[in-house]
Amino acid sequence: MGVDEDIIDLFLKNDHFTRTERTSIVVSLDSMKDTKNREAFVKFSILTADDDVAAFRRRQAEMYSAFHNTQKPIKEFLFLDQFAAGVLEDNSLLIIAPVDHLLWTASMANYITSLNHEMSANPRPAKHLWLGGSASPMALKNLKQEGWQVKQNAADLLKSK
């Protein structure tokens, strides 16, 4: 994938990832041959400082791979603060969040506002948020108002066949 040896070394030394999680991330990214900036996903993962976030990153990589291979190709990865995002062929933005249930909290509202502001310089034809599980009615309402198309229970749709 063209990952620099120093990045590989730092990724392998991050004790928050198990061997299984590291392997799953690499296999998932490797399955997306034409996706640009896959190496940045590995670099981004180096900053993981929590076991739960490591599990989140693993699951996110798996779900991006499944989306790429069963739905639509992901053209490239880009990074928006704490999330890896996919850019689709039509330049739409895709964020996959492997969460059980998304609530509309003050921090979520601030993140979406910040993200929308950041994206205003480079508008996208669509903004997709695929959730592993569900979202509260308030989260769905507010995300829709902010221009996001939300897909709930995406983990079921993206299960390996």
N, C-alpha and C. Protein backbone atom coordinates (compact mmCIF):
# COMPACT_ATOMS: atom_id res chain seq x y z
N MET A 1 0.81 -1.20 0.00
CA MET A 1 0.00 0.00 0.00
C MET A 1 0.85 1.25 0.00
N GLY A 2 2.15 1.10 0.04
CA GLY A 2 3.01 2.27 0.01
C GLY A 2 3.16 2.94 1.36
N VAL A 3 2.99 2.21 2.44
CA VAL A 3 3.11 2.79 3.78
C VAL A 3 4.58 2.86 4.16
N ASP A 4 4.99 4.03 4.59
CA ASP A 4 6.37 4.26 5.02
C ASP A 4 6.73 3.32 6.18
N GLU A 5 7.96 2.84 6.19
CA GLU A 5 8.39 1.89 7.23
C GLU A 5 8.29 2.48 8.63
N ASP A 6 8.53 3.77 8.79
CA ASP A 6 8.41 4.40 10.11
C ASP A 6 6.95 4.38 10.59
N ILE A 7 6.02 4.59 9.67
CA ILE A 7 4.59 4.54 10.00
C ILE A 7 4.21 3.12 10.39
N ILE A 8 4.68 2.15 9.64
CA ILE A 8 4.40 0.75 9.96
C ILE A 8 4.92 0.42 11.35
N ASP A 9 6.13 0.84 11.63
CA ASP A 9 6.74 0.58 12.94
C ASP A 9 5.92 1.19 14.07
N LEU A 10 5.50 2.44 13.91
CA LEU A 10 4.69 3.09 14.94
C LEU A 10 3.33 2.41 15.10
N PHE A 11 2.74 1.99 14.00
CA PHE A 11 1.45 1.29 14.06
C PHE A 11 1.61 -0.03 14.81
N LEU A 12 2.65 -0.77 14.50
CA LEU A 12 2.88 -2.06 15.16
C LEU A 12 3.20 -1.91 16.64
N LYS A 13 3.76 -0.77 17.02
CA LYS A 13 4.12 -0.54 18.43
C LYS A 13 2.99 0.04 19.26
N ASN A 14 1.88 0.39 18.64
CA ASN A 14 0.75 0.93 19.40
C ASN A 14 0.07 -0.22 20.12
N ASP A 15 0.27 -0.29 21.44
CA ASP A 15 -0.23 -1.40 22.25
C ASP A 15 -1.75 -1.38 22.46
N HIS A 16 -2.41 -0.35 21.99
CA HIS A 16 -3.87 -0.32 22.13
C HIS A 16 -4.55 -1.24 21.12
N PHE A 17 -3.82 -1.59 20.06
CA PHE A 17 -4.34 -2.52 19.07
C PHE A 17 -3.85 -3.93 19.38
N THR A 18 -4.76 -4.89 19.28
CA THR A 18 -4.34 -6.29 19.38
C THR A 18 -3.77 -6.70 18.02
N ARG A 19 -3.11 -7.81 17.97
CA ARG A 19 -2.62 -8.32 16.68
C ARG A 19 -3.77 -8.54 15.71
N THR A 20 -4.86 -9.05 16.24
CA THR A 20 -6.04 -9.30 15.40
C THR A 20 -6.57 -7.99 14.82
N GLU A 21 -6.64 -6.94 15.64
CA GLU A 21 -7.13 -5.65 15.15
C GLU A 21 -6.19 -5.07 14.08
N ARG A 22 -4.89 -5.14 14.33
CA ARG A 22 -3.92 -4.64 13.33
C ARG A 22 -4.09 -5.40 12.01
N THR A 23 -4.17 -6.71 12.12
CA THR A 23 -4.30 -7.54 10.92
C THR A 23 -5.59 -7.21 10.17
N SER A 24 -6.67 -7.06 10.90
CA SER A 24 -7.95 -6.76 10.27
C SER A 24 -7.91 -5.41 9.54
N ILE A 25 -7.29 -4.41 10.14
CA ILE A 25 -7.18 -3.11 9.49
C ILE A 25 -6.39 -3.23 8.19
N VAL A 26 -5.26 -3.91 8.25
CA VAL A 26 -4.42 -4.05 7.05
C VAL A 26 -5.14 -4.83 5.96
N VAL A 27 -5.78 -5.94 6.32
CA VAL A 27 -6.50 -6.76 5.34
C VAL A 27 -7.65 -5.95 4.73
N SER A 28 -8.38 -5.22 5.57
CA SER A 28 -9.50 -4.40 5.08
C SER A 28 -9.01 -3.36 4.09
N LEU A 29 -7.96 -2.64 4.45
CA LEU A 29 -7.44 -1.60 3.55
C LEU A 29 -6.86 -2.20 2.28
N ASP A 30 -6.20 -3.34 2.41
CA ASP A 30 -5.60 -3.99 1.25
C ASP A 30 -6.65 -4.44 0.24
N SER A 31 -7.86 -4.71 0.71
CA SER A 31 -8.93 -5.16 -0.20
C SER A 31 -9.47 -4.02 -1.06
N MET A 32 -9.06 -2.80 -0.75
CA MET A 32 -9.55 -1.62 -1.47
C MET A 32 -8.45 -1.10 -2.40
N LYS A 33 -8.05 -1.91 -3.34
CA LYS A 33 -6.86 -1.68 -4.16
C LYS A 33 -6.79 -0.30 -4.82
N ASP A 34 -7.90 0.20 -5.34
CA ASP A 34 -7.87 1.46 -6.09
C ASP A 34 -8.14 2.68 -5.22
N THR A 35 -8.36 2.50 -3.94
CA THR A 35 -8.66 3.61 -3.05
C THR A 35 -7.37 4.36 -2.70
N LYS A 36 -7.38 5.65 -2.95
CA LYS A 36 -6.21 6.47 -2.64
C LYS A 36 -6.18 6.80 -1.15
N ASN A 37 -4.99 7.06 -0.66
CA ASN A 37 -4.76 7.53 0.70
C ASN A 37 -5.06 6.48 1.77
N ARG A 38 -4.96 5.20 1.41
CA ARG A 38 -5.15 4.14 2.40
C ARG A 38 -4.07 4.19 3.48
N GLU A 39 -2.86 4.58 3.06
CA GLU A 39 -1.76 4.65 4.02
C GLU A 39 -2.05 5.68 5.11
N ALA A 40 -2.84 6.70 4.79
CA ALA A 40 -3.18 7.71 5.79
C ALA A 40 -4.08 7.12 6.87
N PHE A 41 -4.87 6.10 6.53
CA PHE A 41 -5.70 5.44 7.54
C PHE A 41 -4.79 4.80 8.59
N VAL A 42 -3.70 4.18 8.14
CA VAL A 42 -2.74 3.57 9.07
C VAL A 42 -2.09 4.67 9.90
N LYS A 43 -1.67 5.74 9.26
CA LYS A 43 -1.03 6.86 9.96
C LYS A 43 -2.00 7.46 11.00
N PHE A 44 -3.24 7.64 10.60
CA PHE A 44 -4.28 8.16 11.47
C PHE A 44 -4.45 7.25 12.69
N SER A 45 -4.36 5.94 12.47
CA SER A 45 -4.56 4.97 13.55
C SER A 45 -3.45 5.01 14.59
N ILE A 46 -2.28 5.49 14.21
CA ILE A 46 -1.17 5.58 15.16
C ILE A 46 -1.54 6.43 16.36
N LEU A 47 -2.38 7.43 16.15
CA LEU A 47 -2.75 8.35 17.23
C LEU A 47 -3.73 7.76 18.22
N THR A 48 -4.20 6.56 17.97
CA THR A 48 -5.17 5.90 18.85
C THR A 48 -4.55 5.69 20.23
N ALA A 49 -5.24 6.22 21.25
CA ALA A 49 -4.70 6.17 22.61
C ALA A 49 -5.64 5.48 23.58
N ASP A 50 -6.48 4.59 23.07
CA ASP A 50 -7.49 3.95 23.90
C ASP A 50 -7.88 2.62 23.25
N ASP A 51 -8.05 1.58 24.05
CA ASP A 51 -8.41 0.26 23.52
C ASP A 51 -9.76 0.28 22.80
N ASP A 52 -10.73 1.02 23.36
CA ASP A 52 -12.05 1.09 22.72
C ASP A 52 -11.98 1.79 21.37
N VAL A 53 -11.16 2.83 21.28
CA VAL A 53 -11.00 3.53 20.00
C VAL A 53 -10.29 2.63 19.00
N ALA A 54 -9.36 1.81 19.47
CA ALA A 54 -8.69 0.86 18.59
C ALA A 54 -9.71 -0.12 17.99
N ALA A 55 -10.62 -0.60 18.81
CA ALA A 55 -11.67 -1.50 18.32
C ALA A 55 -12.58 -0.77 17.34
N PHE A 56 -12.87 0.50 17.61
CA PHE A 56 -13.67 1.32 16.72
C PHE A 56 -12.98 1.46 15.36
N ARG A 57 -11.67 1.76 15.36
CA ARG A 57 -10.91 1.92 14.11
C ARG A 57 -10.90 0.61 13.30
N ARG A 58 -10.73 -0.53 14.00
CA ARG A 58 -10.76 -1.82 13.31
C ARG A 58 -12.10 -2.03 12.64
N ARG A 59 -13.17 -1.81 13.40
CA ARG A 59 -14.50 -2.04 12.85
C ARG A 59 -14.81 -1.06 11.73
N GLN A 60 -14.34 0.16 11.87
CA GLN A 60 -14.54 1.16 10.83
C GLN A 60 -13.85 0.74 9.53
N ALA A 61 -12.61 0.26 9.64
CA ALA A 61 -11.88 -0.21 8.44
C ALA A 61 -12.62 -1.38 7.80
N GLU A 62 -13.13 -2.31 8.61
CA GLU A 62 -13.88 -3.44 8.07
C GLU A 62 -15.14 -2.99 7.33
N MET A 63 -15.85 -2.01 7.91
CA MET A 63 -17.09 -1.54 7.31
C MET A 63 -16.81 -0.74 6.04
N TYR A 64 -15.73 0.06 6.03
CA TYR A 64 -15.37 0.76 4.79
C TYR A 64 -15.03 -0.24 3.69
N SER A 65 -14.30 -1.28 4.04
CA SER A 65 -13.95 -2.30 3.06
C SER A 65 -15.21 -2.98 2.52
N ALA A 66 -16.13 -3.34 3.39
CA ALA A 66 -17.38 -3.98 2.96
C ALA A 66 -18.20 -3.04 2.09
N PHE A 67 -18.26 -1.76 2.46
CA PHE A 67 -18.98 -0.78 1.64
C PHE A 67 -18.36 -0.72 0.25
N HIS A 68 -17.04 -0.59 0.22
CA HIS A 68 -16.30 -0.47 -1.04
C HIS A 68 -16.54 -1.69 -1.94
N ASN A 69 -16.59 -2.86 -1.34
CA ASN A 69 -16.69 -4.09 -2.12
C ASN A 69 -18.12 -4.55 -2.40
N THR A 70 -19.12 -3.97 -1.71
CA THR A 70 -20.50 -4.42 -1.93
C THR A 70 -21.45 -3.30 -2.35
N GLN A 71 -21.08 -2.04 -2.13
CA GLN A 71 -21.99 -0.93 -2.43
C GLN A 71 -21.46 -0.07 -3.58
N LYS A 72 -20.50 0.79 -3.26
CA LYS A 72 -19.90 1.70 -4.23
C LYS A 72 -18.42 1.83 -3.90
N PRO A 73 -17.59 2.04 -4.92
CA PRO A 73 -16.17 2.20 -4.66
C PRO A 73 -15.88 3.49 -3.87
N ILE A 74 -14.96 3.38 -2.95
CA ILE A 74 -14.46 4.55 -2.23
C ILE A 74 -13.22 5.02 -2.98
N LYS A 75 -13.28 6.23 -3.48
CA LYS A 75 -12.20 6.78 -4.31
C LYS A 75 -10.96 7.09 -3.46
N GLU A 76 -11.17 7.66 -2.28
CA GLU A 76 -10.04 8.01 -1.42
C GLU A 76 -10.51 8.24 0.00
N PHE A 77 -9.57 8.22 0.91
CA PHE A 77 -9.83 8.56 2.30
C PHE A 77 -9.38 9.98 2.55
N LEU A 78 -10.11 10.67 3.42
CA LEU A 78 -9.64 11.92 3.96
C LEU A 78 -10.00 11.92 5.43
N PHE A 79 -9.42 12.83 6.18
CA PHE A 79 -9.58 12.79 7.62
C PHE A 79 -10.14 14.10 8.11
N LEU A 80 -11.23 13.98 8.84
CA LEU A 80 -11.94 15.12 9.37
C LEU A 80 -11.92 15.01 10.88
N ASP A 81 -10.95 15.70 11.46
CA ASP A 81 -10.78 15.68 12.90
C ASP A 81 -10.57 14.25 13.38
N GLN A 82 -11.52 13.68 14.10
CA GLN A 82 -11.34 12.35 14.68
C GLN A 82 -11.89 11.21 13.84
N PHE A 83 -12.37 11.51 12.65
CA PHE A 83 -12.96 10.47 11.82
C PHE A 83 -12.27 10.33 10.47
N ALA A 84 -12.17 9.10 10.03
CA ALA A 84 -11.75 8.81 8.67
C ALA A 84 -13.02 8.88 7.83
N ALA A 85 -12.94 9.54 6.70
CA ALA A 85 -14.09 9.65 5.80
C ALA A 85 -13.70 9.13 4.44
N GLY A 86 -14.68 8.60 3.75
CA GLY A 86 -14.46 8.15 2.38
C GLY A 86 -15.04 9.15 1.41
N VAL A 87 -14.38 9.29 0.28
CA VAL A 87 -14.90 10.11 -0.81
C VAL A 87 -15.30 9.14 -1.92
N LEU A 88 -16.57 9.23 -2.33
CA LEU A 88 -17.07 8.34 -3.37
C LEU A 88 -16.76 8.89 -4.75
N GLU A 89 -17.01 8.11 -5.77
CA GLU A 89 -16.69 8.49 -7.14
C GLU A 89 -17.35 9.81 -7.56
N ASP A 90 -18.53 10.11 -7.03
CA ASP A 90 -19.23 11.36 -7.37
C ASP A 90 -18.83 12.51 -6.44
N ASN A 91 -17.79 12.29 -5.64
CA ASN A 91 -17.26 13.25 -4.66
C ASN A 91 -18.15 13.44 -3.43
N SER A 92 -19.15 12.59 -3.26
CA SER A 92 -19.94 12.60 -2.03
C SER A 92 -19.04 12.14 -0.88
N LEU A 93 -19.38 12.58 0.30
CA LEU A 93 -18.64 12.21 1.50
C LEU A 93 -19.37 11.08 2.21
N LEU A 94 -18.61 10.12 2.69
CA LEU A 94 -19.15 8.99 3.45
C LEU A 94 -18.39 8.86 4.76
N ILE A 95 -19.12 8.94 5.86
CA ILE A 95 -18.54 8.62 7.16
C ILE A 95 -19.25 7.38 7.67
N ILE A 96 -18.47 6.39 8.01
CA ILE A 96 -19.02 5.18 8.62
C ILE A 96 -18.63 5.20 10.09
N ALA A 97 -19.63 5.11 10.94
CA ALA A 97 -19.42 5.12 12.39
C ALA A 97 -20.00 3.84 12.98
N PRO A 98 -19.13 2.92 13.39
CA PRO A 98 -19.62 1.66 13.94
C PRO A 98 -20.06 1.81 15.40
N VAL A 99 -21.12 2.59 15.59
CA VAL A 99 -21.66 2.82 16.93
C VAL A 99 -22.96 2.05 17.09
N ASP A 100 -23.28 1.68 18.33
CA ASP A 100 -24.53 0.97 18.59
C ASP A 100 -25.73 1.89 18.50
N HIS A 101 -25.60 3.09 19.08
CA HIS A 101 -26.72 4.03 19.09
C HIS A 101 -26.16 5.44 19.20
N LEU A 102 -26.51 6.28 18.26
CA LEU A 102 -26.03 7.65 18.23
C LEU A 102 -27.04 8.57 18.87
N LEU A 103 -26.57 9.32 19.86
CA LEU A 103 -27.41 10.31 20.53
C LEU A 103 -26.99 11.71 20.09
N TRP A 104 -27.94 12.63 20.10
CA TRP A 104 -27.63 14.02 19.76
C TRP A 104 -27.23 14.73 21.05
N THR A 105 -25.93 14.83 21.26
CA THR A 105 -25.38 15.49 22.44
C THR A 105 -24.79 16.83 22.03
N ALA A 106 -24.41 17.63 23.01
CA ALA A 106 -23.77 18.92 22.71
C ALA A 106 -22.48 18.70 21.93
N SER A 107 -21.69 17.69 22.28
CA SER A 107 -20.43 17.45 21.56
C SER A 107 -20.71 16.98 20.13
N MET A 108 -21.76 16.19 19.92
CA MET A 108 -22.11 15.76 18.56
C MET A 108 -22.57 16.96 17.74
N ALA A 109 -23.40 17.81 18.33
CA ALA A 109 -23.86 19.01 17.62
C ALA A 109 -22.68 19.90 17.25
N ASN A 110 -21.74 20.07 18.17
CA ASN A 110 -20.55 20.89 17.89
C ASN A 110 -19.70 20.26 16.79
N TYR A 111 -19.56 18.95 16.82
CA TYR A 111 -18.76 18.27 15.80
C TYR A 111 -19.39 18.44 14.43
N ILE A 112 -20.69 18.23 14.31
CA ILE A 112 -21.38 18.34 13.02
C ILE A 112 -21.30 19.78 12.51
N THR A 113 -21.48 20.75 13.40
CA THR A 113 -21.37 22.16 13.00
C THR A 113 -19.97 22.46 12.49
N SER A 114 -18.97 21.98 13.21
CA SER A 114 -17.57 22.20 12.82
C SER A 114 -17.28 21.50 11.49
N LEU A 115 -17.75 20.30 11.34
CA LEU A 115 -17.53 19.53 10.12
C LEU A 115 -18.19 20.22 8.93
N ASN A 116 -19.43 20.65 9.09
CA ASN A 116 -20.12 21.34 8.01
C ASN A 116 -19.40 22.64 7.64
N HIS A 117 -18.89 23.35 8.64
CA HIS A 117 -18.15 24.59 8.38
C HIS A 117 -16.87 24.28 7.60
N GLU A 118 -16.16 23.24 8.03
CA GLU A 118 -14.92 22.83 7.34
C GLU A 118 -15.20 22.44 5.90
N MET A 119 -16.33 21.78 5.68
CA MET A 119 -16.66 21.31 4.34
C MET A 119 -17.22 22.42 3.45
N SER A 120 -17.57 23.55 4.02
CA SER A 120 -18.15 24.64 3.22
C SER A 120 -17.16 25.16 2.17
N ALA A 121 -15.87 25.01 2.43
CA ALA A 121 -14.86 25.42 1.46
C ALA A 121 -14.78 24.45 0.28
N ASN A 122 -15.21 23.22 0.50
CA ASN A 122 -15.18 22.19 -0.53
C ASN A 122 -16.50 21.42 -0.49
N PRO A 123 -17.58 22.04 -0.97
CA PRO A 123 -18.89 21.40 -0.86
C PRO A 123 -18.95 20.05 -1.57
N ARG A 124 -19.74 19.15 -1.03
CA ARG A 124 -19.93 17.81 -1.57
C ARG A 124 -21.34 17.67 -2.09
N PRO A 125 -21.54 16.86 -3.16
CA PRO A 125 -22.89 16.67 -3.67
C PRO A 125 -23.82 16.01 -2.65
N ALA A 126 -23.25 15.23 -1.74
CA ALA A 126 -24.05 14.59 -0.68
C ALA A 126 -23.12 14.25 0.48
N LYS A 127 -23.73 14.17 1.66
CA LYS A 127 -23.01 13.77 2.87
C LYS A 127 -23.75 12.58 3.46
N HIS A 128 -23.07 11.43 3.49
CA HIS A 128 -23.68 10.19 3.98
C HIS A 128 -23.05 9.81 5.31
N LEU A 129 -23.90 9.42 6.25
CA LEU A 129 -23.44 8.89 7.53
C LEU A 129 -24.07 7.52 7.69
N TRP A 130 -23.23 6.49 7.65
CA TRP A 130 -23.69 5.12 7.84
C TRP A 130 -23.33 4.70 9.26
N LEU A 131 -24.34 4.34 10.02
CA LEU A 131 -24.16 3.95 11.41
C LEU A 131 -24.24 2.44 11.55
N GLY A 132 -23.38 1.90 12.40
CA GLY A 132 -23.43 0.47 12.66
C GLY A 132 -24.77 0.06 13.24
N GLY A 133 -25.32 0.91 14.09
CA GLY A 133 -26.60 0.64 14.73
C GLY A 133 -27.61 1.72 14.40
N SER A 134 -28.23 2.25 15.44
CA SER A 134 -29.33 3.19 15.24
C SER A 134 -28.96 4.60 15.71
N ALA A 135 -29.90 5.51 15.53
CA ALA A 135 -29.74 6.89 15.99
C ALA A 135 -31.04 7.31 16.68
N SER A 136 -30.91 8.19 17.63
CA SER A 136 -32.10 8.69 18.32
C SER A 136 -32.91 9.55 17.35
N PRO A 137 -34.22 9.68 17.60
CA PRO A 137 -35.03 10.54 16.74
C PRO A 137 -34.48 11.98 16.65
N MET A 138 -33.97 12.50 17.77
CA MET A 138 -33.41 13.85 17.76
C MET A 138 -32.16 13.91 16.89
N ALA A 139 -31.31 12.89 16.97
CA ALA A 139 -30.10 12.86 16.13
C ALA A 139 -30.49 12.81 14.66
N LEU A 140 -31.45 11.96 14.32
CA LEU A 140 -31.88 11.86 12.92
C LEU A 140 -32.43 13.19 12.41
N LYS A 141 -33.27 13.81 13.20
CA LYS A 141 -33.88 15.10 12.81
C LYS A 141 -32.79 16.15 12.58
N ASN A 142 -31.87 16.29 13.52
CA ASN A 142 -30.84 17.33 13.42
C ASN A 142 -29.83 17.04 12.32
N LEU A 143 -29.46 15.79 12.14
CA LEU A 143 -28.55 15.45 11.06
C LEU A 143 -29.19 15.73 9.70
N LYS A 144 -30.46 15.40 9.56
CA LYS A 144 -31.17 15.69 8.31
C LYS A 144 -31.21 17.20 8.06
N GLN A 145 -31.48 17.98 9.11
CA GLN A 145 -31.50 19.44 8.97
C GLN A 145 -30.14 19.98 8.54
N GLU A 146 -29.07 19.29 8.93
CA GLU A 146 -27.71 19.70 8.58
C GLU A 146 -27.27 19.14 7.22
N GLY A 147 -28.19 18.45 6.53
CA GLY A 147 -27.91 17.97 5.18
C GLY A 147 -27.29 16.59 5.09
N TRP A 148 -27.35 15.82 6.17
CA TRP A 148 -26.77 14.48 6.18
C TRP A 148 -27.84 13.44 5.84
N GLN A 149 -27.46 12.46 5.03
CA GLN A 149 -28.30 11.31 4.74
C GLN A 149 -27.81 10.18 5.64
N VAL A 150 -28.67 9.72 6.52
CA VAL A 150 -28.27 8.74 7.53
C VAL A 150 -28.81 7.36 7.18
N LYS A 151 -27.92 6.39 7.23
CA LYS A 151 -28.29 4.98 7.03
C LYS A 151 -28.08 4.28 8.37
N GLN A 152 -29.15 3.78 8.96
CA GLN A 152 -29.04 3.07 10.23
C GLN A 152 -28.85 1.58 9.99
N ASN A 153 -28.32 0.90 10.97
CA ASN A 153 -28.11 -0.55 10.95
C ASN A 153 -27.29 -0.99 9.73
N ALA A 154 -26.32 -0.16 9.38
CA ALA A 154 -25.46 -0.46 8.24
C ALA A 154 -24.58 -1.69 8.47
N ALA A 155 -24.29 -1.99 9.73
CA ALA A 155 -23.48 -3.17 10.02
C ALA A 155 -24.15 -4.43 9.49
N ASP A 156 -25.48 -4.51 9.61
CA ASP A 156 -26.20 -5.67 9.09
C ASP A 156 -26.11 -5.73 7.57
N LEU A 157 -26.22 -4.59 6.92
CA LEU A 157 -26.16 -4.53 5.47
C LEU A 157 -24.76 -4.88 4.94
N LEU A 158 -23.75 -4.52 5.72
CA LEU A 158 -22.37 -4.69 5.27
C LEU A 158 -21.71 -5.96 5.78
N LYS A 159 -22.47 -6.86 6.36
CA LYS A 159 -21.89 -8.11 6.85
C LYS A 159 -21.24 -8.86 5.71
N SER A 160 -20.12 -9.48 6.02
CA SER A 160 -19.42 -10.28 5.01
C SER A 160 -20.30 -11.44 4.58
N LYS A 161 -20.24 -11.73 3.31
CA LYS A 161 -21.06 -12.83 2.79
C LYS A 161 -20.23 -14.08 2.62
